[in-house]
Every structure is written in C-alpha cells, then in structure tokens.
N, C-alpha and C. Protein backbone atom coordinates (compact mmCIF):
# COMPACT_ATOMS: atom_id res chain seq x y z
N MET A 1 -72.29 52.94 -26.77
CA MET A 1 -70.92 52.67 -27.22
C MET A 1 -69.94 53.22 -26.19
N VAL A 2 -68.96 52.45 -25.88
CA VAL A 2 -67.97 52.84 -24.87
C VAL A 2 -66.88 53.66 -25.53
N SER A 3 -66.53 54.78 -24.91
CA SER A 3 -65.49 55.64 -25.46
C SER A 3 -64.12 55.01 -25.25
N ARG A 4 -63.10 55.59 -25.94
CA ARG A 4 -61.74 55.07 -25.81
C ARG A 4 -61.25 55.17 -24.37
N GLU A 5 -61.50 56.29 -23.73
CA GLU A 5 -61.05 56.47 -22.35
C GLU A 5 -61.72 55.48 -21.42
N GLU A 6 -63.04 55.30 -21.63
CA GLU A 6 -63.77 54.37 -20.78
C GLU A 6 -63.30 52.94 -21.00
N GLY A 7 -63.01 52.59 -22.25
CA GLY A 7 -62.51 51.25 -22.55
C GLY A 7 -61.15 50.99 -21.92
N ALA A 8 -60.28 52.00 -21.95
CA ALA A 8 -58.96 51.85 -21.33
C ALA A 8 -59.08 51.66 -19.84
N ARG A 9 -60.03 52.43 -19.23
CA ARG A 9 -60.21 52.31 -17.79
C ARG A 9 -60.73 50.92 -17.41
N LEU A 10 -61.68 50.41 -18.18
CA LEU A 10 -62.23 49.09 -17.89
C LEU A 10 -61.18 47.99 -18.09
N ALA A 11 -60.35 48.15 -19.13
CA ALA A 11 -59.29 47.16 -19.37
C ALA A 11 -58.28 47.16 -18.24
N TRP A 12 -57.92 48.34 -17.76
CA TRP A 12 -56.97 48.44 -16.64
C TRP A 12 -57.52 47.78 -15.39
N GLU A 13 -58.79 48.03 -15.12
CA GLU A 13 -59.41 47.41 -13.95
C GLU A 13 -59.44 45.89 -14.08
N GLU A 14 -59.69 45.41 -15.30
CA GLU A 14 -59.74 43.97 -15.52
C GLU A 14 -58.36 43.34 -15.31
N LEU A 15 -57.35 43.98 -15.86
CA LEU A 15 -55.99 43.43 -15.72
C LEU A 15 -55.45 43.57 -14.31
N SER A 16 -56.05 44.47 -13.53
CA SER A 16 -55.61 44.63 -12.15
C SER A 16 -56.20 43.57 -11.23
N ASP A 17 -57.05 42.74 -11.75
CA ASP A 17 -57.66 41.67 -10.95
C ASP A 17 -56.57 40.73 -10.43
N PRO A 18 -56.56 40.37 -9.14
CA PRO A 18 -55.54 39.46 -8.57
C PRO A 18 -55.43 38.14 -9.30
N VAL A 19 -56.49 37.73 -9.98
CA VAL A 19 -56.44 36.46 -10.71
C VAL A 19 -55.34 36.48 -11.75
N TYR A 20 -55.14 37.64 -12.40
CA TYR A 20 -54.10 37.75 -13.42
C TYR A 20 -52.71 37.71 -12.79
N ASP A 21 -52.56 38.30 -11.60
CA ASP A 21 -51.25 38.26 -10.92
C ASP A 21 -50.86 36.84 -10.57
N GLU A 22 -51.86 36.04 -10.15
CA GLU A 22 -51.57 34.66 -9.79
C GLU A 22 -51.19 33.84 -11.01
N ALA A 23 -51.79 34.17 -12.15
CA ALA A 23 -51.51 33.40 -13.37
C ALA A 23 -50.20 33.82 -14.02
N ARG A 24 -49.73 35.06 -13.73
CA ARG A 24 -48.51 35.55 -14.37
C ARG A 24 -47.30 34.83 -13.79
N PRO A 25 -46.37 34.27 -14.61
CA PRO A 25 -45.19 33.55 -14.09
C PRO A 25 -44.24 34.50 -13.37
N SER A 26 -43.64 33.99 -12.29
CA SER A 26 -42.69 34.80 -11.54
C SER A 26 -41.36 34.84 -12.28
N LEU A 27 -40.45 35.70 -11.80
CA LEU A 27 -39.12 35.77 -12.40
C LEU A 27 -38.39 34.44 -12.27
N LEU A 28 -38.59 33.76 -11.13
CA LEU A 28 -37.94 32.47 -10.93
C LEU A 28 -38.47 31.43 -11.92
N ASP A 29 -39.79 31.46 -12.14
CA ASP A 29 -40.37 30.54 -13.13
C ASP A 29 -39.81 30.82 -14.52
N LEU A 30 -39.70 32.10 -14.85
CA LEU A 30 -39.16 32.46 -16.16
C LEU A 30 -37.71 31.99 -16.31
N PHE A 31 -36.93 32.10 -15.21
CA PHE A 31 -35.54 31.67 -15.25
C PHE A 31 -35.44 30.17 -15.48
N PHE A 32 -36.23 29.39 -14.73
CA PHE A 32 -36.19 27.93 -14.90
C PHE A 32 -36.65 27.52 -16.30
N ARG A 33 -37.62 28.23 -16.84
CA ARG A 33 -38.07 27.93 -18.20
C ARG A 33 -36.95 28.20 -19.21
N TRP A 34 -36.21 29.31 -18.96
CA TRP A 34 -35.11 29.66 -19.86
C TRP A 34 -34.00 28.61 -19.79
N VAL A 35 -33.64 28.16 -18.56
CA VAL A 35 -32.61 27.13 -18.40
C VAL A 35 -33.05 25.83 -19.06
N ASP A 36 -34.32 25.47 -18.87
CA ASP A 36 -34.83 24.24 -19.46
C ASP A 36 -34.77 24.30 -20.99
N ARG A 37 -35.14 25.45 -21.53
CA ARG A 37 -35.10 25.62 -22.98
C ARG A 37 -33.67 25.59 -23.50
N LEU A 38 -32.74 26.23 -22.75
CA LEU A 38 -31.33 26.26 -23.16
C LEU A 38 -30.72 24.86 -23.16
N LEU A 39 -30.97 24.10 -22.08
CA LEU A 39 -30.44 22.74 -22.01
C LEU A 39 -31.01 21.87 -23.13
N GLY A 40 -32.29 22.06 -23.39
CA GLY A 40 -32.90 21.30 -24.47
C GLY A 40 -32.26 21.59 -25.81
N GLU A 41 -31.96 22.87 -26.05
CA GLU A 41 -31.32 23.24 -27.31
C GLU A 41 -29.91 22.68 -27.40
N LEU A 42 -29.15 22.76 -26.27
CA LEU A 42 -27.78 22.25 -26.28
C LEU A 42 -27.75 20.74 -26.50
N LEU A 43 -28.60 20.02 -25.77
CA LEU A 43 -28.62 18.57 -25.93
C LEU A 43 -29.10 18.17 -27.32
N GLY A 44 -30.06 18.93 -27.84
CA GLY A 44 -30.52 18.64 -29.18
C GLY A 44 -29.43 18.86 -30.21
N ALA A 45 -28.66 19.95 -30.03
CA ALA A 45 -27.56 20.23 -30.95
C ALA A 45 -26.48 19.16 -30.84
N ALA A 46 -26.19 18.72 -29.60
CA ALA A 46 -25.18 17.68 -29.41
C ALA A 46 -25.62 16.37 -30.04
N GLN A 47 -26.89 16.05 -29.89
CA GLN A 47 -27.40 14.81 -30.46
C GLN A 47 -27.31 14.83 -31.98
N THR A 48 -27.52 16.01 -32.55
CA THR A 48 -27.48 16.13 -34.01
C THR A 48 -26.04 16.14 -34.52
N ALA A 49 -25.15 16.84 -33.79
CA ALA A 49 -23.79 17.02 -34.28
C ALA A 49 -22.90 15.81 -34.03
N LEU A 50 -23.14 15.08 -32.92
CA LEU A 50 -22.27 13.97 -32.57
C LEU A 50 -22.71 12.69 -33.25
N PRO A 51 -21.77 11.95 -33.85
CA PRO A 51 -22.12 10.64 -34.41
C PRO A 51 -22.56 9.71 -33.29
N GLY A 52 -23.66 9.06 -33.47
CA GLY A 52 -24.14 8.16 -32.43
C GLY A 52 -25.12 8.80 -31.49
N GLY A 53 -25.29 10.13 -31.58
CA GLY A 53 -26.30 10.81 -30.78
C GLY A 53 -26.10 10.65 -29.29
N TRP A 54 -27.17 10.21 -28.61
CA TRP A 54 -27.16 10.12 -27.15
C TRP A 54 -26.12 9.14 -26.63
N TRP A 55 -25.86 8.06 -27.36
CA TRP A 55 -24.87 7.09 -26.90
C TRP A 55 -23.48 7.72 -26.83
N THR A 56 -23.13 8.47 -27.86
CA THR A 56 -21.82 9.14 -27.87
C THR A 56 -21.74 10.18 -26.77
N LEU A 57 -22.82 10.95 -26.60
CA LEU A 57 -22.84 11.97 -25.55
C LEU A 57 -22.70 11.34 -24.17
N GLY A 58 -23.41 10.23 -23.96
CA GLY A 58 -23.31 9.54 -22.67
C GLY A 58 -21.90 9.04 -22.40
N ALA A 59 -21.26 8.48 -23.44
CA ALA A 59 -19.89 7.99 -23.27
C ALA A 59 -18.93 9.13 -22.94
N LEU A 60 -19.11 10.27 -23.59
CA LEU A 60 -18.26 11.43 -23.31
C LEU A 60 -18.44 11.92 -21.88
N LEU A 61 -19.68 11.91 -21.40
CA LEU A 61 -19.93 12.34 -20.03
C LEU A 61 -19.29 11.38 -19.03
N VAL A 62 -19.31 10.09 -19.33
CA VAL A 62 -18.66 9.10 -18.45
C VAL A 62 -17.16 9.33 -18.40
N VAL A 63 -16.56 9.55 -19.58
CA VAL A 63 -15.11 9.81 -19.64
C VAL A 63 -14.76 11.08 -18.86
N LEU A 64 -15.59 12.11 -19.01
CA LEU A 64 -15.35 13.36 -18.28
C LEU A 64 -15.42 13.14 -16.78
N ALA A 65 -16.40 12.36 -16.33
CA ALA A 65 -16.54 12.07 -14.91
C ALA A 65 -15.33 11.31 -14.38
N LEU A 66 -14.81 10.37 -15.18
CA LEU A 66 -13.63 9.61 -14.77
C LEU A 66 -12.40 10.50 -14.68
N LEU A 67 -12.27 11.44 -15.62
CA LEU A 67 -11.13 12.36 -15.58
C LEU A 67 -11.19 13.25 -14.35
N VAL A 68 -12.37 13.73 -14.01
CA VAL A 68 -12.53 14.55 -12.81
C VAL A 68 -12.20 13.75 -11.56
N ALA A 69 -12.67 12.50 -11.51
CA ALA A 69 -12.38 11.64 -10.36
C ALA A 69 -10.89 11.37 -10.24
N ALA A 70 -10.22 11.14 -11.37
CA ALA A 70 -8.78 10.90 -11.35
C ALA A 70 -8.02 12.13 -10.87
N LEU A 71 -8.47 13.31 -11.30
CA LEU A 71 -7.82 14.54 -10.87
C LEU A 71 -7.98 14.75 -9.37
N LEU A 72 -9.17 14.50 -8.85
CA LEU A 72 -9.41 14.64 -7.41
C LEU A 72 -8.57 13.65 -6.62
N TRP A 73 -8.43 12.42 -7.15
CA TRP A 73 -7.60 11.42 -6.48
C TRP A 73 -6.14 11.85 -6.47
N TYR A 74 -5.68 12.40 -7.59
CA TYR A 74 -4.28 12.82 -7.69
C TYR A 74 -3.97 13.97 -6.74
N LEU A 75 -4.95 14.86 -6.54
CA LEU A 75 -4.74 16.04 -5.70
C LEU A 75 -5.20 15.84 -4.27
N ARG A 76 -5.47 14.60 -3.87
CA ARG A 76 -5.98 14.36 -2.53
C ARG A 76 -4.97 14.82 -1.48
N PRO A 77 -5.43 15.23 -0.29
CA PRO A 77 -4.53 15.76 0.74
C PRO A 77 -3.43 14.81 1.15
N GLY A 78 -3.73 13.51 1.22
CA GLY A 78 -2.72 12.55 1.64
C GLY A 78 -1.52 12.53 0.71
N ARG A 79 -1.79 12.64 -0.58
CA ARG A 79 -0.70 12.64 -1.55
C ARG A 79 0.14 13.90 -1.41
N ALA A 80 -0.51 15.04 -1.19
CA ALA A 80 0.24 16.29 -1.02
C ALA A 80 1.16 16.21 0.18
N ALA A 81 0.68 15.57 1.25
CA ALA A 81 1.51 15.45 2.45
C ALA A 81 2.72 14.56 2.19
N ARG A 82 2.50 13.48 1.41
CA ARG A 82 3.61 12.58 1.11
C ARG A 82 4.65 13.25 0.22
N ARG A 83 4.20 14.17 -0.65
CA ARG A 83 5.13 14.85 -1.53
C ARG A 83 6.08 15.77 -0.76
N ALA A 84 5.73 16.09 0.48
CA ALA A 84 6.59 16.96 1.27
C ALA A 84 7.83 16.23 1.76
N ALA A 85 7.85 14.89 1.62
CA ALA A 85 8.97 14.11 2.13
C ALA A 85 10.17 14.24 1.21
N VAL A 86 11.27 14.75 1.74
CA VAL A 86 12.52 14.84 0.99
C VAL A 86 13.60 14.20 1.84
N LEU A 87 14.84 14.37 1.42
CA LEU A 87 15.92 13.68 2.09
C LEU A 87 16.59 14.51 3.18
N ASP A 88 15.97 15.60 3.59
CA ASP A 88 16.53 16.38 4.69
C ASP A 88 16.52 15.55 5.96
N SER A 89 17.58 15.63 6.72
CA SER A 89 17.67 14.86 7.95
C SER A 89 16.66 15.37 8.96
N ALA A 90 16.12 14.45 9.75
CA ALA A 90 15.12 14.81 10.75
C ALA A 90 15.80 15.32 12.02
N GLY A 91 15.66 16.60 12.32
CA GLY A 91 16.17 17.15 13.56
C GLY A 91 17.67 17.04 13.68
N THR A 92 18.12 16.68 14.87
CA THR A 92 19.56 16.61 15.15
C THR A 92 20.03 15.17 15.35
N LEU A 93 19.32 14.22 14.78
CA LEU A 93 19.71 12.83 14.94
C LEU A 93 21.03 12.56 14.23
N SER A 94 21.86 11.74 14.85
CA SER A 94 23.09 11.30 14.20
C SER A 94 22.75 10.23 13.18
N THR A 95 23.73 9.87 12.37
CA THR A 95 23.48 8.84 11.37
C THR A 95 23.15 7.49 12.02
N ASP A 96 23.83 7.19 13.12
CA ASP A 96 23.54 5.94 13.82
C ASP A 96 22.12 5.95 14.39
N GLU A 97 21.70 7.10 14.91
CA GLU A 97 20.35 7.22 15.45
C GLU A 97 19.30 7.11 14.34
N GLN A 98 19.62 7.67 13.19
CA GLN A 98 18.69 7.57 12.07
C GLN A 98 18.58 6.13 11.57
N ARG A 99 19.69 5.43 11.55
CA ARG A 99 19.65 4.01 11.15
C ARG A 99 18.85 3.20 12.17
N ALA A 100 19.03 3.51 13.44
CA ALA A 100 18.26 2.80 14.47
C ALA A 100 16.77 3.10 14.33
N LEU A 101 16.44 4.36 14.01
CA LEU A 101 15.04 4.73 13.81
C LEU A 101 14.47 3.99 12.60
N ALA A 102 15.27 3.87 11.56
CA ALA A 102 14.83 3.15 10.36
C ALA A 102 14.54 1.69 10.70
N ASP A 103 15.42 1.08 11.49
CA ASP A 103 15.20 -0.32 11.88
C ASP A 103 13.94 -0.47 12.72
N GLU A 104 13.66 0.52 13.56
CA GLU A 104 12.43 0.48 14.37
C GLU A 104 11.20 0.52 13.47
N HIS A 105 11.23 1.39 12.47
CA HIS A 105 10.11 1.46 11.52
C HIS A 105 9.94 0.12 10.81
N ALA A 106 11.06 -0.45 10.37
CA ALA A 106 10.99 -1.72 9.64
C ALA A 106 10.46 -2.84 10.53
N ALA A 107 10.84 -2.82 11.81
CA ALA A 107 10.41 -3.87 12.73
C ALA A 107 8.89 -3.89 12.91
N ARG A 108 8.25 -2.74 12.77
CA ARG A 108 6.79 -2.70 12.91
C ARG A 108 6.08 -2.65 11.55
N GLY A 109 6.85 -2.90 10.48
CA GLY A 109 6.23 -3.00 9.17
C GLY A 109 6.01 -1.69 8.45
N ALA A 110 6.53 -0.59 9.00
CA ALA A 110 6.39 0.72 8.34
C ALA A 110 7.57 0.92 7.40
N TYR A 111 7.55 0.20 6.28
CA TYR A 111 8.72 0.17 5.41
C TYR A 111 8.93 1.48 4.64
N ALA A 112 7.87 2.22 4.37
CA ALA A 112 8.05 3.51 3.69
C ALA A 112 8.87 4.45 4.57
N GLU A 113 8.51 4.53 5.84
CA GLU A 113 9.26 5.38 6.77
C GLU A 113 10.67 4.83 6.98
N ALA A 114 10.80 3.51 7.00
CA ALA A 114 12.12 2.89 7.19
C ALA A 114 13.05 3.23 6.03
N ILE A 115 12.53 3.15 4.81
CA ILE A 115 13.33 3.49 3.63
C ILE A 115 13.75 4.95 3.66
N ARG A 116 12.82 5.82 4.04
CA ARG A 116 13.14 7.25 4.09
C ARG A 116 14.23 7.53 5.12
N GLU A 117 14.09 6.99 6.34
CA GLU A 117 15.07 7.28 7.38
C GLU A 117 16.43 6.68 7.06
N ARG A 118 16.45 5.49 6.47
CA ARG A 118 17.74 4.88 6.13
C ARG A 118 18.44 5.68 5.04
N LEU A 119 17.68 6.16 4.07
CA LEU A 119 18.28 6.95 3.01
C LEU A 119 18.73 8.31 3.53
N ARG A 120 18.00 8.86 4.48
CA ARG A 120 18.45 10.09 5.12
C ARG A 120 19.78 9.88 5.83
N ALA A 121 19.93 8.72 6.47
CA ALA A 121 21.19 8.41 7.14
C ALA A 121 22.33 8.31 6.13
N VAL A 122 22.04 7.72 4.98
CA VAL A 122 23.07 7.60 3.93
C VAL A 122 23.51 8.98 3.47
N VAL A 123 22.54 9.85 3.21
CA VAL A 123 22.86 11.21 2.75
C VAL A 123 23.66 11.96 3.82
N ARG A 124 23.21 11.85 5.05
CA ARG A 124 23.90 12.53 6.16
C ARG A 124 25.35 12.03 6.28
N ASP A 125 25.54 10.74 6.11
CA ASP A 125 26.88 10.16 6.19
C ASP A 125 27.78 10.71 5.09
N LEU A 126 27.23 10.80 3.89
CA LEU A 126 28.00 11.33 2.76
C LEU A 126 28.36 12.80 2.99
N GLU A 127 27.45 13.54 3.59
CA GLU A 127 27.73 14.95 3.88
C GLU A 127 28.79 15.08 4.98
N ASP A 128 28.68 14.24 6.01
CA ASP A 128 29.65 14.29 7.11
C ASP A 128 31.06 13.96 6.63
N HIS A 129 31.15 13.10 5.61
CA HIS A 129 32.46 12.70 5.08
C HIS A 129 32.89 13.59 3.91
N ALA A 130 32.18 14.70 3.71
CA ALA A 130 32.53 15.69 2.68
C ALA A 130 32.45 15.12 1.26
N VAL A 131 31.69 14.05 1.10
CA VAL A 131 31.46 13.52 -0.24
C VAL A 131 30.41 14.37 -0.96
N LEU A 132 29.40 14.79 -0.21
CA LEU A 132 28.36 15.68 -0.73
C LEU A 132 28.38 16.98 0.06
N THR A 133 28.01 18.06 -0.61
CA THR A 133 27.88 19.35 0.07
C THR A 133 26.54 19.40 0.78
N PRO A 134 26.53 19.69 2.07
CA PRO A 134 25.25 19.75 2.79
C PRO A 134 24.33 20.82 2.21
N ARG A 135 23.09 20.47 1.96
CA ARG A 135 22.09 21.44 1.51
C ARG A 135 20.70 20.87 1.74
N LEU A 136 19.76 21.77 1.96
CA LEU A 136 18.38 21.37 2.19
C LEU A 136 17.66 21.17 0.86
N GLY A 137 16.65 20.32 0.88
CA GLY A 137 15.80 20.13 -0.29
C GLY A 137 16.36 19.20 -1.34
N ARG A 138 17.42 18.47 -1.04
CA ARG A 138 17.98 17.55 -2.03
C ARG A 138 17.01 16.39 -2.27
N THR A 139 16.73 16.10 -3.52
CA THR A 139 15.85 14.99 -3.86
C THR A 139 16.65 13.70 -4.01
N ALA A 140 15.94 12.59 -4.05
CA ALA A 140 16.61 11.30 -4.20
C ALA A 140 17.33 11.21 -5.54
N THR A 141 16.72 11.74 -6.58
CA THR A 141 17.35 11.70 -7.90
C THR A 141 18.62 12.53 -7.92
N GLU A 142 18.58 13.71 -7.33
CA GLU A 142 19.78 14.55 -7.25
C GLU A 142 20.87 13.86 -6.45
N TRP A 143 20.47 13.22 -5.36
CA TRP A 143 21.44 12.49 -4.54
C TRP A 143 22.12 11.40 -5.35
N ALA A 144 21.35 10.66 -6.13
CA ALA A 144 21.91 9.57 -6.93
C ALA A 144 22.89 10.10 -7.97
N VAL A 145 22.54 11.20 -8.62
CA VAL A 145 23.41 11.78 -9.65
C VAL A 145 24.71 12.28 -9.03
N GLU A 146 24.61 13.00 -7.91
CA GLU A 146 25.79 13.57 -7.27
C GLU A 146 26.70 12.47 -6.71
N THR A 147 26.10 11.46 -6.12
CA THR A 147 26.90 10.39 -5.51
C THR A 147 27.52 9.50 -6.58
N SER A 148 26.84 9.35 -7.71
CA SER A 148 27.40 8.54 -8.80
C SER A 148 28.69 9.13 -9.34
N ALA A 149 28.82 10.45 -9.25
CA ALA A 149 30.05 11.09 -9.73
C ALA A 149 31.25 10.71 -8.87
N VAL A 150 30.98 10.36 -7.61
CA VAL A 150 32.06 9.99 -6.69
C VAL A 150 32.25 8.47 -6.66
N PHE A 151 31.14 7.74 -6.77
CA PHE A 151 31.19 6.28 -6.76
C PHE A 151 30.56 5.74 -8.04
N PRO A 152 31.26 5.86 -9.16
CA PRO A 152 30.67 5.43 -10.45
C PRO A 152 30.33 3.94 -10.50
N ASP A 153 31.05 3.13 -9.73
CA ASP A 153 30.76 1.69 -9.75
C ASP A 153 29.39 1.38 -9.14
N GLN A 154 28.87 2.30 -8.35
CA GLN A 154 27.58 2.09 -7.69
C GLN A 154 26.44 2.84 -8.39
N ARG A 155 26.72 3.33 -9.59
CA ARG A 155 25.73 4.15 -10.29
C ARG A 155 24.38 3.43 -10.43
N THR A 156 24.42 2.18 -10.84
CA THR A 156 23.17 1.44 -11.07
C THR A 156 22.36 1.30 -9.78
N GLU A 157 23.04 0.91 -8.70
CA GLU A 157 22.33 0.72 -7.43
C GLU A 157 21.85 2.05 -6.85
N LEU A 158 22.63 3.10 -7.04
CA LEU A 158 22.22 4.41 -6.55
C LEU A 158 20.92 4.86 -7.21
N HIS A 159 20.86 4.73 -8.51
CA HIS A 159 19.65 5.14 -9.23
C HIS A 159 18.49 4.18 -8.96
N ARG A 160 18.81 2.94 -8.70
CA ARG A 160 17.76 1.98 -8.36
C ARG A 160 17.11 2.34 -7.02
N VAL A 161 17.94 2.69 -6.05
CA VAL A 161 17.41 3.08 -4.74
C VAL A 161 16.66 4.41 -4.83
N ALA A 162 17.18 5.34 -5.62
CA ALA A 162 16.48 6.62 -5.80
C ALA A 162 15.11 6.41 -6.43
N ALA A 163 15.05 5.53 -7.43
CA ALA A 163 13.76 5.23 -8.07
C ALA A 163 12.81 4.57 -7.08
N LEU A 164 13.35 3.70 -6.23
CA LEU A 164 12.52 3.06 -5.21
C LEU A 164 11.93 4.10 -4.26
N PHE A 165 12.77 5.02 -3.80
CA PHE A 165 12.30 6.07 -2.89
C PHE A 165 11.21 6.91 -3.56
N ASN A 166 11.44 7.31 -4.80
CA ASN A 166 10.46 8.13 -5.51
C ASN A 166 9.14 7.39 -5.72
N ASP A 167 9.24 6.11 -6.06
CA ASP A 167 8.03 5.32 -6.29
C ASP A 167 7.22 5.16 -5.00
N VAL A 168 7.92 4.97 -3.89
CA VAL A 168 7.23 4.77 -2.62
C VAL A 168 6.60 6.06 -2.12
N TRP A 169 7.36 7.15 -2.18
CA TRP A 169 6.89 8.40 -1.58
C TRP A 169 6.13 9.30 -2.53
N TYR A 170 6.36 9.16 -3.83
CA TYR A 170 5.68 10.03 -4.79
C TYR A 170 4.73 9.26 -5.70
N GLY A 171 4.96 7.98 -5.87
CA GLY A 171 4.16 7.21 -6.81
C GLY A 171 3.20 6.23 -6.18
N ASP A 172 3.07 6.27 -4.85
CA ASP A 172 2.14 5.40 -4.13
C ASP A 172 2.44 3.91 -4.32
N ARG A 173 3.70 3.59 -4.55
CA ARG A 173 4.09 2.18 -4.61
C ARG A 173 4.21 1.64 -3.19
N GLU A 174 3.76 0.43 -2.99
CA GLU A 174 3.81 -0.16 -1.66
C GLU A 174 5.25 -0.47 -1.27
N ALA A 175 5.66 0.01 -0.11
CA ALA A 175 7.00 -0.26 0.39
C ALA A 175 7.04 -1.67 0.97
N THR A 176 8.16 -2.36 0.77
CA THR A 176 8.29 -3.75 1.22
C THR A 176 9.59 -3.94 1.99
N ALA A 177 9.67 -5.09 2.66
CA ALA A 177 10.90 -5.44 3.37
C ALA A 177 12.06 -5.60 2.39
N GLU A 178 11.76 -6.13 1.22
CA GLU A 178 12.81 -6.30 0.21
C GLU A 178 13.38 -4.95 -0.22
N GLY A 179 12.50 -3.97 -0.38
CA GLY A 179 12.97 -2.63 -0.74
C GLY A 179 13.85 -2.04 0.35
N TYR A 180 13.47 -2.26 1.59
CA TYR A 180 14.29 -1.74 2.70
C TYR A 180 15.65 -2.42 2.73
N ARG A 181 15.68 -3.73 2.48
CA ARG A 181 16.96 -4.45 2.44
C ARG A 181 17.86 -3.92 1.32
N LEU A 182 17.25 -3.52 0.22
CA LEU A 182 18.01 -2.95 -0.89
C LEU A 182 18.72 -1.67 -0.46
N VAL A 183 18.01 -0.81 0.27
CA VAL A 183 18.60 0.43 0.75
C VAL A 183 19.70 0.14 1.76
N CYS A 184 19.46 -0.81 2.64
CA CYS A 184 20.47 -1.17 3.65
C CYS A 184 21.74 -1.71 3.00
N ALA A 185 21.58 -2.52 1.96
CA ALA A 185 22.74 -3.10 1.28
C ALA A 185 23.58 -2.00 0.64
N LEU A 186 22.93 -1.03 0.01
CA LEU A 186 23.67 0.07 -0.59
C LEU A 186 24.35 0.90 0.50
N ASP A 187 23.66 1.11 1.60
CA ASP A 187 24.23 1.86 2.72
C ASP A 187 25.52 1.19 3.20
N ASP A 188 25.47 -0.12 3.37
CA ASP A 188 26.66 -0.85 3.84
C ASP A 188 27.81 -0.74 2.83
N THR A 189 27.48 -0.82 1.55
CA THR A 189 28.51 -0.72 0.51
C THR A 189 29.18 0.65 0.53
N LEU A 190 28.38 1.70 0.63
CA LEU A 190 28.93 3.05 0.64
C LEU A 190 29.74 3.32 1.91
N ARG A 191 29.30 2.79 3.02
CA ARG A 191 30.02 3.01 4.28
C ARG A 191 31.42 2.41 4.21
N ARG A 192 31.54 1.26 3.57
CA ARG A 192 32.86 0.63 3.44
C ARG A 192 33.77 1.44 2.52
N ALA A 193 33.17 2.18 1.59
CA ALA A 193 33.97 2.94 0.63
C ALA A 193 34.29 4.35 1.09
N LEU A 194 33.63 4.81 2.15
CA LEU A 194 33.83 6.19 2.61
C LEU A 194 35.20 6.35 3.27
N PRO A 195 35.82 7.52 3.08
CA PRO A 195 37.07 7.78 3.79
C PRO A 195 36.80 7.94 5.28
N ALA A 196 37.77 7.60 6.08
CA ALA A 196 37.59 7.69 7.53
C ALA A 196 37.58 9.14 7.98
N LEU A 197 36.70 9.46 8.92
CA LEU A 197 36.69 10.79 9.51
C LEU A 197 37.86 10.93 10.47
N PRO A 198 38.33 12.15 10.73
CA PRO A 198 39.44 12.34 11.65
C PRO A 198 39.21 11.69 13.01
N SER A 199 37.99 11.81 13.53
CA SER A 199 37.70 11.22 14.84
C SER A 199 37.77 9.70 14.78
N GLU A 200 37.38 9.13 13.62
CA GLU A 200 37.43 7.69 13.47
C GLU A 200 38.87 7.21 13.36
N SER A 201 39.74 8.02 12.73
CA SER A 201 41.14 7.64 12.57
C SER A 201 41.84 7.63 13.92
N VAL A 202 41.51 8.62 14.76
CA VAL A 202 42.14 8.70 16.08
C VAL A 202 41.74 7.53 16.94
N SER A 203 40.44 7.18 16.88
CA SER A 203 39.97 6.07 17.70
C SER A 203 40.49 4.75 17.15
C-alpha cells in the first residue's frame, strides 16, 4: 500500500510530465475562448430580445455601418478645407483685381472659386465705401443681413447670393456659370447704388 506522502510524490511527478504542459491551454487560448463565449452569449441574447432575431440584428448592423460611413464622409479632409473659405479678401488685391481674378476662374470653369472671389470683391467694395465696417471672419449670411439694412430693396437677391455661396462652399453644391452670373448681376446693381468715393468724385 502506498503511503500518503508517496502518493503525493508520484502524483506530482506525473503532473510534471511535459505531456500535460502541452495539453494545458495557454493564456492566449483561454482569452480567445472567453471572447468566443462572450460573443456567443451577446448574439444569443440579441437574437432572443430583438423581434425578428438575426434579420433584425443584421439590419441594425447595416444601418450602423451606413451611419459610420456618412460620418466619415462628412468629416473628410476636403470638406474641412472648404469650410475654411470665408469672405475675407485675399491679400492686398483691389476690388478690380479681385473681379478680374473671378473672371479668370470663371473662364476656366472654376465657378466655385469665381463666386468666392466675386463676392469678396463685393464685400471689399462695400467696406471701401463705408457701407460695411471692415472686419475679418464675416460670413456670407452676416454680409447679407448687414447689407440688407442699407439696401432693403435688394434683400431677396442678397440672401439668394449668400445661400448660393453657402451651398457651394459648405454644402457641396456644384457651382455653375448661372450661379456666377447671379453674383455678377448683384455686384453690378450694388455698384450703381454705392455712393461715390472722394477719389472718384475728383476724377
């Protein structure tokens, strides 16, 4: 008969055999088994709790994927760069130079840039004639509201042009030649209504 001490020693030697180490699951194996069991429980619970089971779960996953894709599209780098466009004048260009630059953009079909430069020229002209107070960061909507207070008869066209600018630069609306002509027409109307500058009166 084997004593307790002898039995313990024999059992320890048996369990120390490398065969048992090879058969024992590693920590990584245990982790993957735990994840597999957890996912199985979650999916099983979802299948039981949701009406329609797997079909409903699949539809929800598709909707979630579409929402993520839409968010990534909305936050894409190109859109962020376009949002930086405001009505601040570019450099030290005069209003005539800005209008010429706008026409150059339009001539090569870059109507978004043409609309922006023409509207910048309009804002600069209004500031030069003391109709608007010069300031950085003015948006198209703010420009329309401020200018409408001085030219109420042009309120509709002012807000129409502001909406066009916002749609093109912030809403990814395609800029067209017709849109550029709309901005030019408003520019011409406002120029005729502006008071003459002292230098213009002398000349």
